[in-house]
Amino acid sequence: FSVSQGSVSPATADTDATGRASTLWTLGA
């Protein structure tokens, strides 16, 4: 995961048993 501004956590994630991966996004300034 990458963003034009701000940050994500985590920046990489492995898909789970349902094929899903997620991240939290903190907006930039």
PDB file of all heavy atoms in Angstrom:
ATOM      1  N   PHE A   1       0.850  -1.187   0.000  1.00  0.00           N
ATOM      2  CA  PHE A   1       0.000   0.000   0.000  1.00  0.00           C
ATOM      3  C   PHE A   1       0.889   1.241   0.000  1.00  0.00           C
ATOM      4  O   PHE A   1       1.857   1.319   0.753  1.00  0.00           O
ATOM      5  CB  PHE A   1      -0.884   0.037   1.253  1.00  0.00           C
ATOM      6  CG  PHE A   1      -1.825  -1.127   1.379  1.00  0.00           C
ATOM      7  CD1 PHE A   1      -1.493  -2.238   2.136  1.00  0.00           C
ATOM      8  CD2 PHE A   1      -3.058  -1.110   0.740  1.00  0.00           C
ATOM      9  CE1 PHE A   1      -2.363  -3.308   2.266  1.00  0.00           C
ATOM     10  CE2 PHE A   1      -3.938  -2.180   0.852  1.00  0.00           C
ATOM     11  CZ  PHE A   1      -3.596  -3.278   1.619  1.00  0.00           C
ATOM     12  N   SER A   2       0.555   2.226  -0.842  1.00  0.00           N
ATOM     13  CA  SER A   2       1.291   3.486  -0.848  1.00  0.00           C
ATOM     14  C   SER A   2       0.303   4.623  -1.043  1.00  0.00           C
ATOM     15  O   SER A   2      -0.781   4.433  -1.593  1.00  0.00           O
ATOM     16  CB  SER A   2       2.361   3.499  -1.939  1.00  0.00           C
ATOM     17  OG  SER A   2       1.774   3.345  -3.211  1.00  0.00           O
ATOM     18  N   VAL A   3       0.675   5.814  -0.578  1.00  0.00           N
ATOM     19  CA  VAL A   3      -0.214   6.966  -0.638  1.00  0.00           C
ATOM     20  C   VAL A   3       0.492   8.175  -1.234  1.00  0.00           C
ATOM     21  O   VAL A   3       1.710   8.294  -1.160  1.00  0.00           O
ATOM     22  CB  VAL A   3      -0.777   7.324   0.761  1.00  0.00           C
ATOM     23  CG1 VAL A   3      -1.750   6.273   1.237  1.00  0.00           C
ATOM     24  CG2 VAL A   3       0.317   7.516   1.782  1.00  0.00           C
ATOM     25  N   SER A   4      -0.319   9.076  -1.802  1.00  0.00           N
ATOM     26  CA  SER A   4       0.233  10.300  -2.378  1.00  0.00           C
ATOM     27  C   SER A   4       0.653  11.280  -1.287  1.00  0.00           C
ATOM     28  O   SER A   4       1.563  12.075  -1.485  1.00  0.00           O
ATOM     29  CB  SER A   4      -0.794  10.954  -3.302  1.00  0.00           C
ATOM     30  OG  SER A   4      -1.984  11.257  -2.592  1.00  0.00           O
ATOM     31  N   GLN A   5      -0.020  11.233  -0.153  1.00  0.00           N
ATOM     32  CA  GLN A   5       0.307  12.047   1.018  1.00  0.00           C
ATOM     33  C   GLN A   5      -0.028  11.232   2.256  1.00  0.00           C
ATOM     34  O   GLN A   5      -0.918  10.394   2.228  1.00  0.00           O
ATOM     35  CB  GLN A   5      -0.529  13.325   1.056  1.00  0.00           C
ATOM     36  CG  GLN A   5      -0.256  14.322  -0.029  1.00  0.00           C
ATOM     37  CD  GLN A   5      -1.058  15.588   0.210  1.00  0.00           C
ATOM     38  OE1 GLN A   5      -1.055  16.141   1.303  1.00  0.00           O
ATOM     39  NE2 GLN A   5      -1.749  16.039  -0.816  1.00  0.00           N
ATOM     40  N   GLY A   6       0.649  11.504   3.352  1.00  0.00           N
ATOM     41  CA  GLY A   6       0.347  10.819   4.603  1.00  0.00           C
ATOM     42  C   GLY A   6       1.082   9.504   4.717  1.00  0.00           C
ATOM     43  O   GLY A   6       2.178   9.331   4.188  1.00  0.00           O
ATOM     44  N   SER A   7       0.447   8.549   5.402  1.00  0.00           N
ATOM     45  CA  SER A   7       1.092   7.262   5.632  1.00  0.00           C
ATOM     46  C   SER A   7       0.047   6.162   5.770  1.00  0.00           C
ATOM     47  O   SER A   7      -1.139   6.437   5.983  1.00  0.00           O
ATOM     48  CB  SER A   7       1.945   7.314   6.903  1.00  0.00           C
ATOM     49  OG  SER A   7       1.124   7.588   8.029  1.00  0.00           O
ATOM     50  N   VAL A   8       0.511   4.921   5.636  1.00  0.00           N
ATOM     51  CA  VAL A   8      -0.333   3.751   5.842  1.00  0.00           C
ATOM     52  C   VAL A   8       0.343   2.834   6.849  1.00  0.00           C
ATOM     53  O   VAL A   8       1.565   2.835   6.986  1.00  0.00           O
ATOM     54  CB  VAL A   8      -0.586   2.975   4.532  1.00  0.00           C
ATOM     55  CG1 VAL A   8      -1.505   3.739   3.616  1.00  0.00           C
ATOM     56  CG2 VAL A   8       0.705   2.622   3.829  1.00  0.00           C
ATOM     57  N   SER A   9      -0.464   2.063   7.555  1.00  0.00           N
ATOM     58  CA  SER A   9       0.075   1.102   8.511  1.00  0.00           C
ATOM     59  C   SER A   9      -0.831  -0.117   8.535  1.00  0.00           C
ATOM     60  O   SER A   9      -2.002   0.016   8.881  1.00  0.00           O
ATOM     61  CB  SER A   9       0.159   1.723   9.904  1.00  0.00           C
ATOM     62  OG  SER A   9       0.703   0.793  10.818  1.00  0.00           O
ATOM     63  N   PRO A  10      -0.329  -1.253   8.116  1.00  0.00           N
ATOM     64  CA  PRO A  10       1.014  -1.522   7.618  1.00  0.00           C
ATOM     65  C   PRO A  10       1.164  -1.121   6.152  1.00  0.00           C
ATOM     66  O   PRO A  10       0.169  -0.974   5.436  1.00  0.00           O
ATOM     67  CB  PRO A  10       1.133  -3.042   7.766  1.00  0.00           C
ATOM     68  CG  PRO A  10      -0.255  -3.537   7.554  1.00  0.00           C
ATOM     69  CD  PRO A  10      -1.144  -2.478   8.167  1.00  0.00           C
ATOM     70  N   ALA A  11       2.414  -0.997   5.715  1.00  0.00           N
ATOM     71  CA  ALA A  11       2.695  -0.669   4.310  1.00  0.00           C
ATOM     72  C   ALA A  11       2.582  -1.906   3.428  1.00  0.00           C
ATOM     73  O   ALA A  11       2.350  -1.797   2.235  1.00  0.00           O
ATOM     74  CB  ALA A  11       4.081  -0.051   4.173  1.00  0.00           C
ATOM     75  N   THR A  12       2.765  -3.089   4.013  1.00  0.00           N
ATOM     76  CA  THR A  12       2.545  -4.350   3.296  1.00  0.00           C
ATOM     77  C   THR A  12       1.742  -5.276   4.196  1.00  0.00           C
ATOM     78  O   THR A  12       1.875  -5.234   5.424  1.00  0.00           O
ATOM     79  CB  THR A  12       3.858  -5.053   2.898  1.00  0.00           C
ATOM     80  OG1 THR A  12       4.581  -5.392   4.070  1.00  0.00           O
ATOM     81  CG2 THR A  12       4.700  -4.187   1.990  1.00  0.00           C
ATOM     82  N   ALA A  13       0.913  -6.108   3.572  1.00  0.00           N
ATOM     83  CA  ALA A  13       0.113  -7.069   4.328  1.00  0.00           C
ATOM     84  C   ALA A  13      -0.109  -8.304   3.467  1.00  0.00           C
ATOM     85  O   ALA A  13      -0.288  -8.196   2.252  1.00  0.00           O
ATOM     86  CB  ALA A  13      -1.223  -6.455   4.724  1.00  0.00           C
ATOM     87  N   ASP A  14      -0.093  -9.465   4.096  1.00  0.00           N
ATOM     88  CA  ASP A  14      -0.398 -10.708   3.400  1.00  0.00           C
ATOM     89  C   ASP A  14      -1.900 -10.945   3.436  1.00  0.00           C
ATOM     90  O   ASP A  14      -2.568 -10.626   4.434  1.00  0.00           O
ATOM     91  CB  ASP A  14       0.305 -11.893   4.071  1.00  0.00           C
ATOM     92  CG  ASP A  14       1.808 -11.853   3.890  1.00  0.00           C
ATOM     93  OD1 ASP A  14       2.292 -11.149   2.979  1.00  0.00           O
ATOM     94  OD2 ASP A  14       2.510 -12.534   4.657  1.00  0.00           O
ATOM     95  N   THR A  15      -2.428 -11.518   2.368  1.00  0.00           N
ATOM     96  CA  THR A  15      -3.851 -11.821   2.340  1.00  0.00           C
ATOM     97  C   THR A  15      -4.167 -12.942   3.329  1.00  0.00           C
ATOM     98  O   THR A  15      -3.370 -13.845   3.548  1.00  0.00           O
ATOM     99  CB  THR A  15      -4.322 -12.207   0.931  1.00  0.00           C
ATOM    100  OG1 THR A  15      -3.528 -13.290   0.457  1.00  0.00           O
ATOM    101  CG2 THR A  15      -4.225 -11.033  -0.029  1.00  0.00           C
ATOM    102  N   ASP A  16      -5.355 -12.850   3.908  1.00  0.00           N
ATOM    103  CA  ASP A  16      -5.791 -13.823   4.906  1.00  0.00           C
ATOM    104  C   ASP A  16      -6.564 -14.973   4.247  1.00  0.00           C
ATOM    105  O   ASP A  16      -6.558 -15.114   3.017  1.00  0.00           O
ATOM    106  CB  ASP A  16      -6.622 -13.135   5.995  1.00  0.00           C
ATOM    107  CG  ASP A  16      -7.915 -12.510   5.478  1.00  0.00           C
ATOM    108  OD1 ASP A  16      -8.353 -12.835   4.352  1.00  0.00           O
ATOM    109  OD2 ASP A  16      -8.515 -11.711   6.219  1.00  0.00           O
ATOM    110  N   ALA A  17      -7.259 -15.759   5.045  1.00  0.00           N
ATOM    111  CA  ALA A  17      -7.999 -16.925   4.539  1.00  0.00           C
ATOM    112  C   ALA A  17      -9.129 -16.553   3.593  1.00  0.00           C
ATOM    113  O   ALA A  17      -9.611 -17.396   2.843  1.00  0.00           O
ATOM    114  CB  ALA A  17      -8.543 -17.740   5.708  1.00  0.00           C
ATOM    115  N   THR A  18      -9.545 -15.284   3.608  1.00  0.00           N
ATOM    116  CA  THR A  18     -10.606 -14.825   2.703  1.00  0.00           C
ATOM    117  C   THR A  18     -10.031 -14.064   1.508  1.00  0.00           C
ATOM    118  O   THR A  18     -10.776 -13.472   0.728  1.00  0.00           O
ATOM    119  CB  THR A  18     -11.619 -13.931   3.443  1.00  0.00           C
ATOM    120  OG1 THR A  18     -10.970 -12.730   3.877  1.00  0.00           O
ATOM    121  CG2 THR A  18     -12.235 -14.649   4.633  1.00  0.00           C
ATOM    122  N   GLY A  19      -8.692 -14.049   1.389  1.00  0.00           N
ATOM    123  CA  GLY A  19      -8.035 -13.350   0.286  1.00  0.00           C
ATOM    124  C   GLY A  19      -7.930 -11.851   0.501  1.00  0.00           C
ATOM    125  O   GLY A  19      -7.603 -11.115  -0.423  1.00  0.00           O
ATOM    126  N   ARG A  20      -8.181 -11.388   1.722  1.00  0.00           N
ATOM    127  CA  ARG A  20      -8.200  -9.948   1.993  1.00  0.00           C
ATOM    128  C   ARG A  20      -6.941  -9.470   2.707  1.00  0.00           C
ATOM    129  O   ARG A  20      -6.371 -10.172   3.533  1.00  0.00           O
ATOM    130  CB  ARG A  20      -9.417  -9.588   2.840  1.00  0.00           C
ATOM    131  CG  ARG A  20     -10.704  -9.843   2.111  1.00  0.00           C
ATOM    132  CD  ARG A  20     -11.902  -9.561   2.969  1.00  0.00           C
ATOM    133  NE  ARG A  20     -13.105  -9.884   2.215  1.00  0.00           N
ATOM    134  CZ  ARG A  20     -14.294  -9.400   2.486  1.00  0.00           C
ATOM    135  NH1 ARG A  20     -14.454  -8.577   3.503  1.00  0.00           N
ATOM    136  NH2 ARG A  20     -15.336  -9.738   1.770  1.00  0.00           N
ATOM    137  N   ALA A  21      -6.559  -8.236   2.381  1.00  0.00           N
ATOM    138  CA  ALA A  21      -5.466  -7.534   3.055  1.00  0.00           C
ATOM    139  C   ALA A  21      -5.961  -6.126   3.336  1.00  0.00           C
ATOM    140  O   ALA A  21      -6.756  -5.570   2.570  1.00  0.00           O
ATOM    141  CB  ALA A  21      -4.214  -7.494   2.189  1.00  0.00           C
ATOM    142  N   SER A  22      -5.505  -5.534   4.448  1.00  0.00           N
ATOM    143  CA  SER A  22      -5.999  -4.202   4.798  1.00  0.00           C
ATOM    144  C   SER A  22      -4.910  -3.346   5.404  1.00  0.00           C
ATOM    145  O   SER A  22      -3.873  -3.831   5.851  1.00  0.00           O
ATOM    146  CB  SER A  22      -7.174  -4.306   5.777  1.00  0.00           C
ATOM    147  OG  SER A  22      -6.751  -4.866   7.006  1.00  0.00           O
ATOM    148  N   THR A  23      -5.193  -2.028   5.404  1.00  0.00           N
ATOM    149  CA  THR A  23      -4.280  -1.057   5.998  1.00  0.00           C
ATOM    150  C   THR A  23      -5.083   0.113   6.544  1.00  0.00           C
ATOM    151  O   THR A  23      -6.210   0.366   6.105  1.00  0.00           O
ATOM    152  CB  THR A  23      -3.245  -0.566   4.959  1.00  0.00           C
ATOM    153  OG1 THR A  23      -2.226   0.177   5.626  1.00  0.00           O
ATOM    154  CG2 THR A  23      -3.886   0.289   3.880  1.00  0.00           C
ATOM    155  N   LEU A  24      -4.523   0.815   7.504  1.00  0.00           N
ATOM    156  CA  LEU A  24      -5.102   2.058   8.010  1.00  0.00           C
ATOM    157  C   LEU A  24      -4.361   3.217   7.371  1.00  0.00           C
ATOM    158  O   LEU A  24      -3.132   3.198   7.257  1.00  0.00           O
ATOM    159  CB  LEU A  24      -4.986   2.143   9.532  1.00  0.00           C
ATOM    160  CG  LEU A  24      -5.884   1.197  10.311  1.00  0.00           C
ATOM    161  CD1 LEU A  24      -5.564   1.273  11.799  1.00  0.00           C
ATOM    162  CD2 LEU A  24      -7.352   1.516  10.070  1.00  0.00           C
ATOM    163  N   TRP A  25      -5.097   4.243   6.992  1.00  0.00           N
ATOM    164  CA  TRP A  25      -4.554   5.375   6.256  1.00  0.00           C
ATOM    165  C   TRP A  25      -4.641   6.632   7.107  1.00  0.00           C
ATOM    166  O   TRP A  25      -5.712   7.019   7.548  1.00  0.00           O
ATOM    167  CB  TRP A  25      -5.346   5.545   4.970  1.00  0.00           C
ATOM    168  CG  TRP A  25      -4.896   6.606   4.019  1.00  0.00           C
ATOM    169  CD1 TRP A  25      -3.834   7.453   4.136  1.00  0.00           C
ATOM    170  CD2 TRP A  25      -5.518   6.923   2.784  1.00  0.00           C
ATOM    171  NE1 TRP A  25      -3.755   8.266   3.049  1.00  0.00           N
ATOM    172  CE2 TRP A  25      -4.786   7.967   2.191  1.00  0.00           C
ATOM    173  CE3 TRP A  25      -6.633   6.433   2.103  1.00  0.00           C
ATOM    174  CZ2 TRP A  25      -5.131   8.531   0.975  1.00  0.00           C
ATOM    175  CZ3 TRP A  25      -6.973   6.991   0.888  1.00  0.00           C
ATOM    176  CH2 TRP A  25      -6.220   8.027   0.332  1.00  0.00           C
ATOM    177  N   THR A  26      -3.486   7.267   7.325  1.00  0.00           N
ATOM    178  CA  THR A  26      -3.432   8.573   7.971  1.00  0.00           C
ATOM    179  C   THR A  26      -3.205   9.603   6.878  1.00  0.00           C
ATOM    180  O   THR A  26      -2.220   9.520   6.136  1.00  0.00           O
ATOM    181  CB  THR A  26      -2.302   8.637   9.018  1.00  0.00           C
ATOM    182  OG1 THR A  26      -2.544   7.633  10.011  1.00  0.00           O
ATOM    183  CG2 THR A  26      -2.236  10.006   9.673  1.00  0.00           C
ATOM    184  N   LEU A  27      -4.124  10.551   6.772  1.00  0.00           N
ATOM    185  CA  LEU A  27      -4.056  11.550   5.712  1.00  0.00           C
ATOM    186  C   LEU A  27      -2.854  12.474   5.894  1.00  0.00           C
ATOM    187  O   LEU A  27      -2.392  12.704   7.013  1.00  0.00           O
ATOM    188  CB  LEU A  27      -5.339  12.378   5.681  1.00  0.00           C
ATOM    189  CG  LEU A  27      -6.607  11.593   5.347  1.00  0.00           C
ATOM    190  CD1 LEU A  27      -7.831  12.498   5.505  1.00  0.00           C
ATOM    191  CD2 LEU A  27      -6.543  11.010   3.955  1.00  0.00           C
ATOM    192  N   GLY A  28      -2.385  13.028   4.789  1.00  0.00           N
ATOM    193  CA  GLY A  28      -1.272  13.962   4.810  1.00  0.00           C
ATOM    194  C   GLY A  28      -1.721  15.366   5.175  1.00  0.00           C
ATOM    195  O   GLY A  28      -2.900  15.621   5.439  1.00  0.00           O
ATOM    196  N   ALA A  29      -0.773  16.285   5.154  1.00  0.00           N
ATOM    197  CA  ALA A  29      -1.015  17.656   5.584  1.00  0.00           C
ATOM    198  C   ALA A  29      -1.706  18.515   4.526  1.00  0.00           C
ATOM    199  O   ALA A  29      -2.249  19.568   4.843  1.00  0.00           O
ATOM    200  CB  ALA A  29       0.300  18.312   5.989  1.00  0.00           C
TER     201      ALA A  29
END
